[in-house]
Amino acid sequence: MKARIHITLKTGVLDPQGKAIEGALASLGFGGVGEVRQGKYIEIDLAEKDRAKAALEIEDMCHKLLANTVIENYEIEIGE
C-alpha cells in the first residue's frame, strides 16, 4: 500500500522559500504570479494491507516526524 503526504505551511506562517520562488518567477518574466507557497511531498510504501491501520500509522508518522504540526498542515492519501 502506498501513502502520499502533502505538507504545507499553515496560513499566516512566513514562507521565505515561497517568496524566493515568487521573485525568481517574476525575474524570468512570468507576470501575474501572485503569492507562492511551497511545501513537501512524501511517498511511503507500507507493508500494511488494512487501509484504516495504514492511515493511523501514517498519522502517527506525521505527528512524530514528518510534519511540524505547530506550523504545518498535512493531507494524507492512501492508495494501492
PDB file of N, CA and C in Angstrom:
ATOM      1  N   MET A   1       0.851  -1.165   0.000  1.00  0.00           N
ATOM      2  CA  MET A   1       0.000   0.000   0.000  1.00  0.00           C
ATOM      3  C   MET A   1       0.898   1.229   0.000  1.00  0.00           C
ATOM      4  N   LYS A   2       0.480   2.252  -0.726  1.00  0.00           N
ATOM      5  CA  LYS A   2       1.282   3.469  -0.838  1.00  0.00           C
ATOM      6  C   LYS A   2       0.545   4.635  -0.189  1.00  0.00           C
ATOM      7  N   ALA A   3       1.295   5.403   0.601  1.00  0.00           N
ATOM      8  CA  ALA A   3       0.745   6.619   1.212  1.00  0.00           C
ATOM      9  C   ALA A   3       1.420   7.817   0.572  1.00  0.00           C
ATOM     10  N   ARG A   4       0.625   8.828   0.280  1.00  0.00           N
ATOM     11  CA  ARG A   4       1.137  10.094  -0.247  1.00  0.00           C
ATOM     12  C   ARG A   4       0.770  11.184   0.749  1.00  0.00           C
ATOM     13  N   ILE A   5       1.775  11.958   1.151  1.00  0.00           N
ATOM     14  CA  ILE A   5       1.549  13.006   2.143  1.00  0.00           C
ATOM     15  C   ILE A   5       1.972  14.344   1.549  1.00  0.00           C
ATOM     16  N   HIS A   6       1.053  15.308   1.580  1.00  0.00           N
ATOM     17  CA  HIS A   6       1.330  16.677   1.150  1.00  0.00           C
ATOM     18  C   HIS A   6       1.402  17.532   2.409  1.00  0.00           C
ATOM     19  N   ILE A   7       2.529  18.206   2.588  1.00  0.00           N
ATOM     20  CA  ILE A   7       2.743  19.028   3.778  1.00  0.00           C
ATOM     21  C   ILE A   7       2.935  20.475   3.333  1.00  0.00           C
ATOM     22  N   THR A   8       2.156  21.377   3.903  1.00  0.00           N
ATOM     23  CA  THR A   8       2.249  22.797   3.556  1.00  0.00           C
ATOM     24  C   THR A   8       2.270  23.635   4.834  1.00  0.00           C
ATOM     25  N   LEU A   9       2.823  24.824   4.710  1.00  0.00           N
ATOM     26  CA  LEU A   9       2.818  25.746   5.838  1.00  0.00           C
ATOM     27  C   LEU A   9       1.399  26.252   6.089  1.00  0.00           C
ATOM     28  N   LYS A  10       1.073  26.450   7.342  1.00  0.00           N
ATOM     29  CA  LYS A  10      -0.241  26.981   7.689  1.00  0.00           C
ATOM     30  C   LYS A  10      -0.351  28.423   7.199  1.00  0.00           C
ATOM     31  N   THR A  11      -1.569  28.855   6.940  1.00  0.00           N
ATOM     32  CA  THR A  11      -1.828  30.229   6.540  1.00  0.00           C
ATOM     33  C   THR A  11      -1.304  31.165   7.618  1.00  0.00           C
ATOM     34  N   GLY A  12      -0.622  32.207   7.207  1.00  0.00           N
ATOM     35  CA  GLY A  12      -0.081  33.176   8.150  1.00  0.00           C
ATOM     36  C   GLY A  12       1.355  32.911   8.558  1.00  0.00           C
ATOM     37  N   VAL A  13       1.868  31.717   8.253  1.00  0.00           N
ATOM     38  CA  VAL A  13       3.263  31.409   8.571  1.00  0.00           C
ATOM     39  C   VAL A  13       4.127  31.918   7.425  1.00  0.00           C
ATOM     40  N   LEU A  14       5.166  32.668   7.757  1.00  0.00           N
ATOM     41  CA  LEU A  14       6.078  33.218   6.763  1.00  0.00           C
ATOM     42  C   LEU A  14       6.711  32.087   5.944  1.00  0.00           C
ATOM     43  N   ASP A  15       6.744  32.271   4.607  1.00  0.00           N
ATOM     44  CA  ASP A  15       7.288  31.266   3.700  1.00  0.00           C
ATOM     45  C   ASP A  15       8.399  31.888   2.854  1.00  0.00           C
ATOM     46  N   PRO A  16       9.636  31.979   3.395  1.00  0.00           N
ATOM     47  CA  PRO A  16      10.714  32.620   2.651  1.00  0.00           C
ATOM     48  C   PRO A  16      11.057  31.911   1.347  1.00  0.00           C
ATOM     49  N   GLN A  17      10.959  30.605   1.318  1.00  0.00           N
ATOM     50  CA  GLN A  17      11.243  29.880   0.078  1.00  0.00           C
ATOM     51  C   GLN A  17      10.182  30.188  -0.977  1.00  0.00           C
ATOM     52  N   GLY A  18       8.939  30.282  -0.562  1.00  0.00           N
ATOM     53  CA  GLY A  18       7.873  30.665  -1.481  1.00  0.00           C
ATOM     54  C   GLY A  18       8.105  32.060  -2.043  1.00  0.00           C
ATOM     55  N   LYS A  19       8.547  32.992  -1.182  1.00  0.00           N
ATOM     56  CA  LYS A  19       8.848  34.356  -1.637  1.00  0.00           C
ATOM     57  C   LYS A  19       9.990  34.354  -2.645  1.00  0.00           C
ATOM     58  N   ALA A  20      11.011  33.521  -2.404  1.00  0.00           N
ATOM     59  CA  ALA A  20      12.145  33.437  -3.333  1.00  0.00           C
ATOM     60  C   ALA A  20      11.689  32.897  -4.690  1.00  0.00           C
ATOM     61  N   ILE A  21      10.834  31.909  -4.675  1.00  0.00           N
ATOM     62  CA  ILE A  21      10.297  31.356  -5.924  1.00  0.00           C
ATOM     63  C   ILE A  21       9.476  32.413  -6.645  1.00  0.00           C
ATOM     64  N   GLU A  22       8.646  33.121  -5.899  1.00  0.00           N
ATOM     65  CA  GLU A  22       7.820  34.192  -6.458  1.00  0.00           C
ATOM     66  C   GLU A  22       8.691  35.242  -7.157  1.00  0.00           C
ATOM     67  N   GLY A  23       9.774  35.669  -6.497  1.00  0.00           N
ATOM     68  CA  GLY A  23      10.687  36.653  -7.074  1.00  0.00           C
ATOM     69  C   GLY A  23      11.399  36.122  -8.303  1.00  0.00           C
ATOM     70  N   ALA A  24      11.823  34.860  -8.250  1.00  0.00           N
ATOM     71  CA  ALA A  24      12.515  34.256  -9.394  1.00  0.00           C
ATOM     72  C   ALA A  24      11.585  34.155 -10.604  1.00  0.00           C
ATOM     73  N   LEU A  25      10.337  33.795 -10.378  1.00  0.00           N
ATOM     74  CA  LEU A  25       9.381  33.720 -11.483  1.00  0.00           C
ATOM     75  C   LEU A  25       9.178  35.093 -12.120  1.00  0.00           C
ATOM     76  N   ALA A  26       9.072  36.122 -11.283  1.00  0.00           N
ATOM     77  CA  ALA A  26       8.913  37.490 -11.803  1.00  0.00           C
ATOM     78  C   ALA A  26      10.133  37.904 -12.616  1.00  0.00           C
ATOM     79  N   SER A  27      11.335  37.558 -12.130  1.00  0.00           N
ATOM     80  CA  SER A  27      12.550  37.946 -12.853  1.00  0.00           C
ATOM     81  C   SER A  27      12.711  37.175 -14.161  1.00  0.00           C
ATOM     82  N   LEU A  28      12.053  36.049 -14.269  1.00  0.00           N
ATOM     83  CA  LEU A  28      12.073  35.278 -15.512  1.00  0.00           C
ATOM     84  C   LEU A  28      10.978  35.715 -16.488  1.00  0.00           C
ATOM     85  N   GLY A  29      10.218  36.729 -16.086  1.00  0.00           N
ATOM     86  CA  GLY A  29       9.210  37.282 -16.983  1.00  0.00           C
ATOM     87  C   GLY A  29       7.822  36.689 -16.836  1.00  0.00           C
ATOM     88  N   PHE A  30       7.600  35.907 -15.808  1.00  0.00           N
ATOM     89  CA  PHE A  30       6.270  35.350 -15.586  1.00  0.00           C
ATOM     90  C   PHE A  30       5.445  36.344 -14.775  1.00  0.00           C
ATOM     91  N   GLY A  31       4.731  37.219 -15.489  1.00  0.00           N
ATOM     92  CA  GLY A  31       3.908  38.227 -14.834  1.00  0.00           C
ATOM     93  C   GLY A  31       2.597  37.627 -14.357  1.00  0.00           C
ATOM     94  N   GLY A  32       1.963  38.319 -13.469  1.00  0.00           N
ATOM     95  CA  GLY A  32       0.655  37.879 -12.995  1.00  0.00           C
ATOM     96  C   GLY A  32       0.706  36.759 -11.972  1.00  0.00           C
ATOM     97  N   VAL A  33       1.898  36.436 -11.482  1.00  0.00           N
ATOM     98  CA  VAL A  33       2.003  35.395 -10.459  1.00  0.00           C
ATOM     99  C   VAL A  33       1.762  36.041  -9.106  1.00  0.00           C
ATOM    100  N   GLY A  34       0.804  35.507  -8.379  1.00  0.00           N
ATOM    101  CA  GLY A  34       0.503  36.022  -7.049  1.00  0.00           C
ATOM    102  C   GLY A  34       1.395  35.363  -6.012  1.00  0.00           C
ATOM    103  N   GLU A  35       0.885  35.257  -4.821  1.00  0.00           N
ATOM    104  CA  GLU A  35       1.647  34.662  -3.724  1.00  0.00           C
ATOM    105  C   GLU A  35       1.996  33.209  -4.045  1.00  0.00           C
ATOM    106  N   VAL A  36       3.230  32.819  -3.753  1.00  0.00           N
ATOM    107  CA  VAL A  36       3.683  31.440  -3.946  1.00  0.00           C
ATOM    108  C   VAL A  36       3.945  30.840  -2.572  1.00  0.00           C
ATOM    109  N   ARG A  37       3.407  29.657  -2.340  1.00  0.00           N
ATOM    110  CA  ARG A  37       3.651  28.907  -1.106  1.00  0.00           C
ATOM    111  C   ARG A  37       4.230  27.561  -1.527  1.00  0.00           C
ATOM    112  N   GLN A  38       5.251  27.117  -0.859  1.00  0.00           N
ATOM    113  CA  GLN A  38       5.858  25.840  -1.191  1.00  0.00           C
ATOM    114  C   GLN A  38       5.603  24.837  -0.079  1.00  0.00           C
ATOM    115  N   GLY A  39       5.809  23.574  -0.381  1.00  0.00           N
ATOM    116  CA  GLY A  39       5.593  22.536   0.615  1.00  0.00           C
ATOM    117  C   GLY A  39       6.433  21.313   0.322  1.00  0.00           C
ATOM    118  N   LYS A  40       6.051  20.196   0.941  1.00  0.00           N
ATOM    119  CA  LYS A  40       6.764  18.933   0.763  1.00  0.00           C
ATOM    120  C   LYS A  40       5.774  17.870   0.306  1.00  0.00           C
ATOM    121  N   TYR A  41       6.287  16.918  -0.458  1.00  0.00           N
ATOM    122  CA  TYR A  41       5.505  15.772  -0.906  1.00  0.00           C
ATOM    123  C   TYR A  41       6.307  14.529  -0.551  1.00  0.00           C
ATOM    124  N   ILE A  42       5.694  13.605   0.159  1.00  0.00           N
ATOM    125  CA  ILE A  42       6.380  12.386   0.595  1.00  0.00           C
ATOM    126  C   ILE A  42       5.543  11.180   0.191  1.00  0.00           C
ATOM    127  N   GLU A  43       6.189  10.165  -0.387  1.00  0.00           N
ATOM    128  CA  GLU A  43       5.539   8.888  -0.679  1.00  0.00           C
ATOM    129  C   GLU A  43       6.177   7.821   0.198  1.00  0.00           C
ATOM    130  N   ILE A  44       5.335   6.984   0.776  1.00  0.00           N
ATOM    131  CA  ILE A  44       5.824   5.904   1.633  1.00  0.00           C
ATOM    132  C   ILE A  44       5.130   4.615   1.222  1.00  0.00           C
ATOM    133  N   ASP A  45       5.909   3.568   0.952  1.00  0.00           N
ATOM    134  CA  ASP A  45       5.353   2.240   0.691  1.00  0.00           C
ATOM    135  C   ASP A  45       5.195   1.534   2.029  1.00  0.00           C
ATOM    136  N   LEU A  46       4.007   1.027   2.266  1.00  0.00           N
ATOM    137  CA  LEU A  46       3.710   0.349   3.530  1.00  0.00           C
ATOM    138  C   LEU A  46       3.424  -1.126   3.304  1.00  0.00           C
ATOM    139  N   ALA A  47       3.855  -1.967   4.232  1.00  0.00           N
ATOM    140  CA  ALA A  47       3.543  -3.390   4.174  1.00  0.00           C
ATOM    141  C   ALA A  47       2.102  -3.644   4.629  1.00  0.00           C
ATOM    142  N   GLU A  48       1.556  -2.727   5.430  1.00  0.00           N
ATOM    143  CA  GLU A  48       0.202  -2.874   5.977  1.00  0.00           C
ATOM    144  C   GLU A  48      -0.829  -2.984   4.847  1.00  0.00           C
ATOM    145  N   LYS A  49      -1.725  -3.946   4.947  1.00  0.00           N
ATOM    146  CA  LYS A  49      -2.760  -4.150   3.916  1.00  0.00           C
ATOM    147  C   LYS A  49      -4.105  -3.540   4.311  1.00  0.00           C
ATOM    148  N   ASP A  50      -4.301  -3.317   5.594  1.00  0.00           N
ATOM    149  CA  ASP A  50      -5.552  -2.732   6.081  1.00  0.00           C
ATOM    150  C   ASP A  50      -5.467  -1.209   5.964  1.00  0.00           C
ATOM    151  N   ARG A  51      -6.372  -0.626   5.178  1.00  0.00           N
ATOM    152  CA  ARG A  51      -6.351   0.816   4.901  1.00  0.00           C
ATOM    153  C   ARG A  51      -6.484   1.644   6.183  1.00  0.00           C
ATOM    154  N   ALA A  52      -7.353   1.262   7.086  1.00  0.00           N
ATOM    155  CA  ALA A  52      -7.563   2.018   8.331  1.00  0.00           C
ATOM    156  C   ALA A  52      -6.312   1.987   9.210  1.00  0.00           C
ATOM    157  N   LYS A  53      -5.680   0.824   9.314  1.00  0.00           N
ATOM    158  CA  LYS A  53      -4.454   0.722  10.109  1.00  0.00           C
ATOM    159  C   LYS A  53      -3.329   1.520   9.467  1.00  0.00           C
ATOM    160  N   ALA A  54      -3.254   1.478   8.136  1.00  0.00           N
ATOM    161  CA  ALA A  54      -2.227   2.244   7.416  1.00  0.00           C
ATOM    162  C   ALA A  54      -2.414   3.736   7.669  1.00  0.00           C
ATOM    163  N   ALA A  55      -3.654   4.209   7.622  1.00  0.00           N
ATOM    164  CA  ALA A  55      -3.935   5.626   7.844  1.00  0.00           C
ATOM    165  C   ALA A  55      -3.524   6.048   9.259  1.00  0.00           C
ATOM    166  N   LEU A  56      -3.800   5.202  10.244  1.00  0.00           N
ATOM    167  CA  LEU A  56      -3.402   5.510  11.621  1.00  0.00           C
ATOM    168  C   LEU A  56      -1.884   5.553  11.760  1.00  0.00           C
ATOM    169  N   GLU A  57      -1.212   4.628  11.083  1.00  0.00           N
ATOM    170  CA  GLU A  57       0.250   4.586  11.141  1.00  0.00           C
ATOM    171  C   GLU A  57       0.853   5.843  10.511  1.00  0.00           C
ATOM    172  N   ILE A  58       0.310   6.265   9.376  1.00  0.00           N
ATOM    173  CA  ILE A  58       0.807   7.460   8.706  1.00  0.00           C
ATOM    174  C   ILE A  58       0.517   8.707   9.552  1.00  0.00           C
ATOM    175  N   GLU A  59      -0.663   8.783  10.156  1.00  0.00           N
ATOM    176  CA  GLU A  59      -0.986   9.892  11.066  1.00  0.00           C
ATOM    177  C   GLU A  59       0.068   9.993  12.168  1.00  0.00           C
ATOM    178  N   ASP A  60       0.412   8.848  12.736  1.00  0.00           N
ATOM    179  CA  ASP A  60       1.404   8.817  13.808  1.00  0.00           C
ATOM    180  C   ASP A  60       2.765   9.293  13.297  1.00  0.00           C
ATOM    181  N   MET A  61       3.148   8.858  12.096  1.00  0.00           N
ATOM    182  CA  MET A  61       4.412   9.298  11.493  1.00  0.00           C
ATOM    183  C   MET A  61       4.428  10.811  11.289  1.00  0.00           C
ATOM    184  N   CYS A  62       3.307  11.356  10.830  1.00  0.00           N
ATOM    185  CA  CYS A  62       3.224  12.802  10.599  1.00  0.00           C
ATOM    186  C   CYS A  62       3.387  13.574  11.898  1.00  0.00           C
ATOM    187  N   HIS A  63       2.726  13.110  12.945  1.00  0.00           N
ATOM    188  CA  HIS A  63       2.800  13.810  14.238  1.00  0.00           C
ATOM    189  C   HIS A  63       4.169  13.690  14.890  1.00  0.00           C
ATOM    190  N   LYS A  64       4.839  12.555  14.680  1.00  0.00           N
ATOM    191  CA  LYS A  64       6.124  12.329  15.355  1.00  0.00           C
ATOM    192  C   LYS A  64       7.333  12.815  14.567  1.00  0.00           C
ATOM    193  N   LEU A  65       7.230  12.875  13.216  1.00  0.00           N
ATOM    194  CA  LEU A  65       8.421  13.197  12.448  1.00  0.00           C
ATOM    195  C   LEU A  65       8.185  14.021  11.183  1.00  0.00           C
ATOM    196  N   LEU A  66       7.231  13.628  10.371  1.00  0.00           N
ATOM    197  CA  LEU A  66       7.137  14.180   9.020  1.00  0.00           C
ATOM    198  C   LEU A  66       6.674  15.632   8.951  1.00  0.00           C
ATOM    199  N   ALA A  67       5.796  16.035   9.844  1.00  0.00           N
ATOM    200  CA  ALA A  67       5.262  17.400   9.811  1.00  0.00           C
ATOM    201  C   ALA A  67       5.456  18.076  11.163  1.00  0.00           C
ATOM    202  N   ASN A  68       5.741  19.365  11.109  1.00  0.00           N
ATOM    203  CA  ASN A  68       5.772  20.174  12.325  1.00  0.00           C
ATOM    204  C   ASN A  68       4.365  20.745  12.469  1.00  0.00           C
ATOM    205  N   THR A  69       3.541  20.081  13.252  1.00  0.00           N
ATOM    206  CA  THR A  69       2.118  20.430  13.313  1.00  0.00           C
ATOM    207  C   THR A  69       1.841  21.797  13.937  1.00  0.00           C
ATOM    208  N   VAL A  70       2.854  22.434  14.493  1.00  0.00           N
ATOM    209  CA  VAL A  70       2.678  23.793  15.005  1.00  0.00           C
ATOM    210  C   VAL A  70       2.544  24.770  13.836  1.00  0.00           C
ATOM    211  N   ILE A  71       3.337  24.552  12.780  1.00  0.00           N
ATOM    212  CA  ILE A  71       3.339  25.497  11.650  1.00  0.00           C
ATOM    213  C   ILE A  71       2.940  24.873  10.313  1.00  0.00           C
ATOM    214  N   GLU A  72       2.707  23.552  10.284  1.00  0.00           N
ATOM    215  CA  GLU A  72       2.393  22.887   9.020  1.00  0.00           C
ATOM    216  C   GLU A  72       1.087  22.108   9.088  1.00  0.00           C
ATOM    217  N   ASN A  73       0.394  22.077   7.963  1.00  0.00           N
ATOM    218  CA  ASN A  73      -0.761  21.220   7.754  1.00  0.00           C
ATOM    219  C   ASN A  73      -0.315  20.051   6.886  1.00  0.00           C
ATOM    220  N   TYR A  74      -1.040  18.950   6.945  1.00  0.00           N
ATOM    221  CA  TYR A  74      -0.733  17.839   6.058  1.00  0.00           C
ATOM    222  C   TYR A  74      -2.013  17.157   5.617  1.00  0.00           C
ATOM    223  N   GLU A  75      -1.942  16.562   4.432  1.00  0.00           N
ATOM    224  CA  GLU A  75      -3.042  15.775   3.880  1.00  0.00           C
ATOM    225  C   GLU A  75      -2.487  14.418   3.494  1.00  0.00           C
ATOM    226  N   ILE A  76      -3.223  13.378   3.823  1.00  0.00           N
ATOM    227  CA  ILE A  76      -2.788  12.012   3.565  1.00  0.00           C
ATOM    228  C   ILE A  76      -3.709  11.385   2.525  1.00  0.00           C
ATOM    229  N   GLU A  77      -3.098  10.701   1.578  1.00  0.00           N
ATOM    230  CA  GLU A  77      -3.835   9.923   0.580  1.00  0.00           C
ATOM    231  C   GLU A  77      -3.284   8.507   0.620  1.00  0.00           C
ATOM    232  N   ILE A  78      -4.144   7.525   0.833  1.00  0.00           N
ATOM    233  CA  ILE A  78      -3.734   6.132   0.870  1.00  0.00           C
ATOM    234  C   ILE A  78      -4.241   5.468  -0.402  1.00  0.00           C
ATOM    235  N   GLY A  79      -3.325   4.843  -1.142  1.00  0.00           N
ATOM    236  CA  GLY A  79      -3.698   4.170  -2.385  1.00  0.00           C
ATOM    237  C   GLY A  79      -3.140   2.767  -2.420  1.00  0.00           C
ATOM    238  N   GLU A  80      -3.412   2.092  -3.516  1.00  0.00           N
ATOM    239  CA  GLU A  80      -2.936   0.712  -3.694  1.00  0.00           C
ATOM    240  C   GLU A  80      -1.477   0.675  -4.034  1.00  0.00           C
TER     241      GLU A  80
END
